[in-house]
N, C-alpha and C. Protein backbone atom coordinates (compact mmCIF):
# COMPACT_ATOMS: atom_id res chain seq x y z
N MET A 1 -29.93 -57.47 -1.03
CA MET A 1 -28.43 -57.04 -0.84
C MET A 1 -27.79 -58.05 0.24
N ASN A 2 -26.52 -57.78 0.07
CA ASN A 2 -25.79 -58.41 0.98
C ASN A 2 -25.82 -57.78 2.59
N PRO A 3 -26.03 -58.66 3.65
CA PRO A 3 -26.12 -58.01 4.82
C PRO A 3 -24.93 -57.24 5.43
N LYS A 4 -23.56 -57.62 4.98
CA LYS A 4 -22.44 -56.91 5.26
C LYS A 4 -22.68 -55.34 4.67
N LEU A 5 -22.99 -55.35 3.35
CA LEU A 5 -23.05 -54.11 2.63
C LEU A 5 -24.15 -53.28 3.28
N ASN A 6 -25.33 -53.82 3.78
CA ASN A 6 -26.36 -53.14 4.57
C ASN A 6 -25.80 -52.34 5.89
N LYS A 7 -24.95 -53.31 6.52
CA LYS A 7 -24.28 -52.85 7.86
C LYS A 7 -23.37 -51.67 7.63
N LEU A 8 -22.55 -51.83 6.32
CA LEU A 8 -21.70 -50.79 6.15
C LEU A 8 -22.51 -49.31 5.73
N ILE A 9 -23.56 -49.55 5.10
CA ILE A 9 -24.25 -48.64 4.57
C ILE A 9 -24.92 -47.77 5.83
N THR A 10 -25.29 -48.50 6.72
CA THR A 10 -25.96 -48.09 8.15
C THR A 10 -25.03 -47.23 8.77
N LEU A 11 -23.65 -47.91 8.98
CA LEU A 11 -22.72 -47.26 9.70
C LEU A 11 -22.38 -46.01 9.13
N MET A 12 -22.19 -46.05 7.67
CA MET A 12 -21.80 -44.82 6.95
C MET A 12 -22.96 -43.62 7.31
N LEU A 13 -24.26 -44.16 7.44
CA LEU A 13 -25.28 -43.06 7.42
C LEU A 13 -25.31 -42.62 8.74
N ILE A 14 -24.91 -43.28 9.76
CA ILE A 14 -24.78 -42.96 11.39
C ILE A 14 -23.38 -42.02 11.56
N LEU A 15 -22.40 -42.39 10.94
CA LEU A 15 -21.40 -41.67 10.88
C LEU A 15 -21.60 -40.11 10.14
N GLY A 16 -22.06 -40.30 9.13
CA GLY A 16 -22.45 -39.08 8.37
C GLY A 16 -23.46 -38.00 9.21
N THR A 17 -24.34 -38.78 10.07
CA THR A 17 -25.24 -37.77 10.71
C THR A 17 -24.46 -37.20 11.97
N PHE A 18 -23.66 -38.13 12.65
CA PHE A 18 -22.77 -37.53 13.66
C PHE A 18 -21.73 -36.44 13.30
N VAL A 19 -21.18 -36.51 12.13
CA VAL A 19 -20.46 -35.23 11.61
C VAL A 19 -21.21 -34.18 11.31
N PHE A 20 -22.42 -34.35 10.74
CA PHE A 20 -23.43 -33.23 10.52
C PHE A 20 -23.66 -32.68 11.94
N VAL A 21 -24.09 -33.40 12.79
CA VAL A 21 -24.50 -32.87 14.07
C VAL A 21 -23.55 -32.11 14.82
N MET A 22 -22.11 -32.70 14.71
CA MET A 22 -20.97 -31.90 15.40
C MET A 22 -20.83 -30.50 14.60
N GLU A 23 -20.92 -30.41 13.15
CA GLU A 23 -20.47 -29.29 12.36
C GLU A 23 -21.80 -28.29 12.68
N VAL A 24 -22.79 -28.61 12.77
CA VAL A 24 -23.97 -27.77 13.25
C VAL A 24 -23.78 -27.29 14.73
N GLU A 25 -23.38 -28.02 15.53
CA GLU A 25 -22.97 -27.60 16.89
C GLU A 25 -21.93 -26.37 17.00
N ASP A 26 -20.87 -26.64 16.06
CA ASP A 26 -19.88 -25.83 16.08
C ASP A 26 -20.41 -24.42 15.26
N ARG A 27 -21.27 -24.64 14.43
CA ARG A 27 -21.59 -23.35 13.81
C ARG A 27 -22.52 -22.44 14.90
N VAL A 28 -23.29 -23.10 15.45
CA VAL A 28 -24.44 -22.57 16.12
C VAL A 28 -23.64 -21.94 17.35
N SER A 29 -22.72 -22.54 17.98
CA SER A 29 -21.92 -22.08 19.30
C SER A 29 -21.02 -20.74 18.70
N ALA A 30 -20.49 -20.71 17.68
CA ALA A 30 -19.75 -19.61 16.85
C ALA A 30 -20.73 -18.57 16.60
N PHE A 31 -22.00 -18.69 16.29
CA PHE A 31 -22.94 -17.71 16.03
C PHE A 31 -23.37 -16.99 17.34
N ALA A 32 -23.80 -18.11 18.46
CA ALA A 32 -24.17 -17.62 19.68
C ALA A 32 -22.79 -16.52 20.35
N LYS A 33 -21.80 -17.30 20.39
CA LYS A 33 -20.74 -16.32 20.90
C LYS A 33 -20.79 -14.90 20.24
N LYS A 34 -20.83 -15.01 19.09
CA LYS A 34 -20.72 -13.53 18.22
C LYS A 34 -21.82 -12.68 18.72
N GLU A 35 -23.07 -13.42 18.63
CA GLU A 35 -24.21 -12.70 18.97
C GLU A 35 -24.01 -12.04 20.62
N LEU A 36 -23.81 -12.91 21.34
CA LEU A 36 -23.76 -12.58 22.85
C LEU A 36 -22.57 -11.51 23.35
N SER A 37 -21.49 -11.55 22.28
CA SER A 37 -20.54 -10.45 22.58
C SER A 37 -21.08 -9.40 22.19
N LYS A 38 -21.88 -9.18 21.16
CA LYS A 38 -22.33 -7.89 20.49
C LYS A 38 -23.33 -7.27 21.25
N TRP A 39 -24.25 -8.26 22.17
CA TRP A 39 -25.11 -7.75 23.07
C TRP A 39 -24.53 -7.33 24.39
N ALA A 40 -23.44 -8.19 24.74
CA ALA A 40 -22.59 -7.64 25.90
C ALA A 40 -22.07 -6.34 25.76
N SER A 41 -21.52 -6.15 24.43
CA SER A 41 -20.95 -4.68 24.42
C SER A 41 -21.88 -3.56 24.47
N MET A 42 -23.12 -3.86 24.40
CA MET A 42 -24.13 -2.80 24.51
C MET A 42 -24.73 -2.48 25.89
N LEU A 43 -24.16 -3.42 27.00
CA LEU A 43 -24.56 -3.40 28.25
C LEU A 43 -23.94 -2.17 28.82
N PRO A 44 -24.59 -1.43 29.59
CA PRO A 44 -23.98 -0.17 30.41
C PRO A 44 -22.78 -0.78 31.18
N VAL A 45 -21.84 0.12 31.38
CA VAL A 45 -20.82 -0.23 32.30
C VAL A 45 -20.76 0.70 33.47
N LYS A 46 -20.88 0.06 34.65
CA LYS A 46 -20.94 1.11 36.00
C LYS A 46 -19.32 1.30 36.04
N PRO A 47 -18.83 2.45 36.42
CA PRO A 47 -17.47 2.58 37.06
C PRO A 47 -17.52 2.04 38.53
N GLU A 48 -16.29 1.58 38.67
CA GLU A 48 -15.87 1.17 40.22
C GLU A 48 -16.09 2.12 41.03
N PRO A 49 -16.75 2.07 42.19
CA PRO A 49 -16.66 3.30 43.15
C PRO A 49 -15.24 3.28 43.82
N GLU A 50 -15.03 4.76 43.91
CA GLU A 50 -14.04 5.06 44.41
C GLU A 50 -13.79 4.96 46.05
N ILE A 51 -12.82 4.32 46.57
CA ILE A 51 -12.92 4.07 47.89
C ILE A 51 -11.78 5.13 48.69
N LYS A 52 -12.16 5.78 49.49
CA LYS A 52 -11.40 6.89 49.88
C LYS A 52 -10.85 6.46 51.57
N SER A 53 -10.67 5.28 51.58
CA SER A 53 -10.38 4.86 53.14
C SER A 53 -9.49 3.48 52.86
N LEU A 54 -8.52 3.43 53.81
CA LEU A 54 -7.78 2.19 53.70
C LEU A 54 -8.50 0.88 54.39
N ASN A 55 -9.54 1.10 54.88
CA ASN A 55 -10.36 0.14 55.25
C ASN A 55 -11.03 -0.55 53.87
N PRO A 56 -10.77 -1.84 53.86
CA PRO A 56 -11.35 -2.52 52.47
C PRO A 56 -12.87 -2.69 52.51
N TYR A 57 -13.38 -2.49 53.70
CA TYR A 57 -14.96 -2.84 53.88
C TYR A 57 -15.79 -1.52 54.02
N ASP A 58 -14.94 -0.41 53.71
CA ASP A 58 -15.67 0.94 53.90
C ASP A 58 -16.03 1.37 52.40
N HIS A 59 -17.24 1.03 52.04
CA HIS A 59 -18.04 1.21 50.83
C HIS A 59 -19.20 2.35 50.86
N ASP A 60 -19.25 3.12 49.78
CA ASP A 60 -20.66 3.73 49.72
C ASP A 60 -21.69 2.75 49.00
N ILE A 61 -22.90 2.55 49.58
CA ILE A 61 -23.76 1.70 49.22
C ILE A 61 -25.07 2.35 49.29
N SER A 62 -25.91 2.00 48.53
CA SER A 62 -27.21 2.68 48.49
C SER A 62 -28.27 1.83 49.00
N LEU A 63 -29.41 2.32 49.45
CA LEU A 63 -30.52 1.61 50.24
C LEU A 63 -31.04 0.35 49.23
N ILE A 64 -31.28 0.77 48.06
CA ILE A 64 -31.85 -0.30 47.17
C ILE A 64 -30.73 -1.21 46.98
N GLN A 65 -29.48 -0.79 46.72
CA GLN A 65 -28.73 -2.16 46.69
C GLN A 65 -28.78 -3.02 47.80
N VAL A 66 -28.96 -2.43 49.21
CA VAL A 66 -29.09 -3.29 50.27
C VAL A 66 -30.25 -4.17 50.25
N ILE A 67 -31.63 -3.63 49.80
CA ILE A 67 -32.63 -4.08 49.58
C ILE A 67 -32.48 -5.44 48.57
N LEU A 68 -32.06 -4.99 47.51
CA LEU A 68 -31.97 -6.16 46.54
C LEU A 68 -30.90 -7.32 47.13
N ILE A 69 -29.79 -7.03 47.87
CA ILE A 69 -29.05 -7.98 48.16
C ILE A 69 -29.79 -8.89 49.28
N ASP A 70 -30.40 -8.15 49.90
CA ASP A 70 -31.27 -8.93 51.00
C ASP A 70 -32.21 -9.90 50.48
N SER A 71 -33.18 -9.38 49.22
CA SER A 71 -34.03 -10.10 48.83
C SER A 71 -33.53 -11.20 48.17
N ALA A 72 -32.27 -11.17 47.56
CA ALA A 72 -31.58 -12.33 46.88
C ALA A 72 -31.20 -13.29 47.76
N ASP A 73 -30.81 -12.90 49.09
CA ASP A 73 -30.30 -13.88 50.07
C ASP A 73 -31.41 -14.72 50.51
N ASN A 74 -32.81 -13.98 50.69
CA ASN A 74 -33.87 -14.66 51.30
C ASN A 74 -34.60 -15.71 50.25
N LYS A 75 -34.11 -15.63 49.01
CA LYS A 75 -34.62 -16.63 48.07
C LYS A 75 -34.01 -17.81 48.17
N VAL A 76 -32.77 -18.12 48.76
CA VAL A 76 -32.14 -19.39 48.88
C VAL A 76 -31.98 -19.50 50.49
N ARG A 77 -32.46 -20.42 50.96
CA ARG A 77 -32.61 -20.68 52.40
C ARG A 77 -32.40 -22.08 52.58
N PRO A 78 -31.35 -22.64 53.14
CA PRO A 78 -31.19 -23.97 53.35
C PRO A 78 -32.08 -24.66 54.60
N VAL A 79 -32.60 -25.80 54.35
CA VAL A 79 -33.50 -26.32 55.20
C VAL A 79 -32.82 -27.27 55.93
N HIS A 80 -32.94 -27.09 57.48
CA HIS A 80 -32.49 -27.65 58.43
C HIS A 80 -33.35 -28.68 59.11
N ASN A 81 -33.14 -30.02 58.99
CA ASN A 81 -34.17 -30.99 59.63
C ASN A 81 -33.92 -31.41 60.79
């Protein structure tokens, strides 16, 4: 076969593969967004706590929340040398 024709066929195959991959990516991301939004709608919604003070730092908080916040802060510690 002609070398120019071989290059053209190879280029067309590469371009077709690229277009196919882009289409698959679009379809997968659309499917994932649809499924994630469906799952997110099933999550329980906690009402925002009512603040009865003008002080913006005055909140009712449980001991469990304090422990969870504390343990999350302990996981990430910068190391100073």
